[in-house]
Amino acid sequence: MFEVKKSLVYGLSASLLLLGLYFAVLTLVSGWNFTWGQFADFWYFITSLAFGFGVQVGLYVYLRGLIVGRPGAAKILGVTGTTSTLSMISCCAHYLTNIVPLLGLAGALSFVAQYQLQIFWVGLAFNILGIVFIGHKIIKFKKHL
């Protein structure tokens, strides 16, 4: 039961941290009005992505607690952690639209801005795949206990 509570705390913390990071970075790059406007327009995507990230972190912490010290633990955790990381990179890629001008890449900016909704959907898909993948690893590991 301790592992479940610990996983919930880590997952909730990760979700809140990601939302905080979203607001901090966007506000620093584009100002508060832009940040709030983006959040108002896309709150359902942003909160879903943050929630999905929190679920992945919670599942990862739970899986880590289950397999620590068992044979093959490093391999399972490495693959699972990589999947979660790739999910979050893809889901947050649309915010490159705010950073890219600083790098002088106007063409990339217009491309990412044009496909912002599609990038949100790709991020959500990767979130779901990450959750399913980690969940499958937990179920598979528990069968072998």
Foldseek 3Di string as FASTA:
>chain_A
DVLLVVLLVQLVVQLVVQVVVQQVVCCVQPNNVVSVVVCVVCVVLSSLLSNLLSLLSSLLSSLLVVCPPHPPSVVLSVVLVVLSVVLNCQQCVLCVLRVVVVVVDVVVNVVSVVCVVVSSVSSSVSSVVSNVSSVVVVVVVVVVD
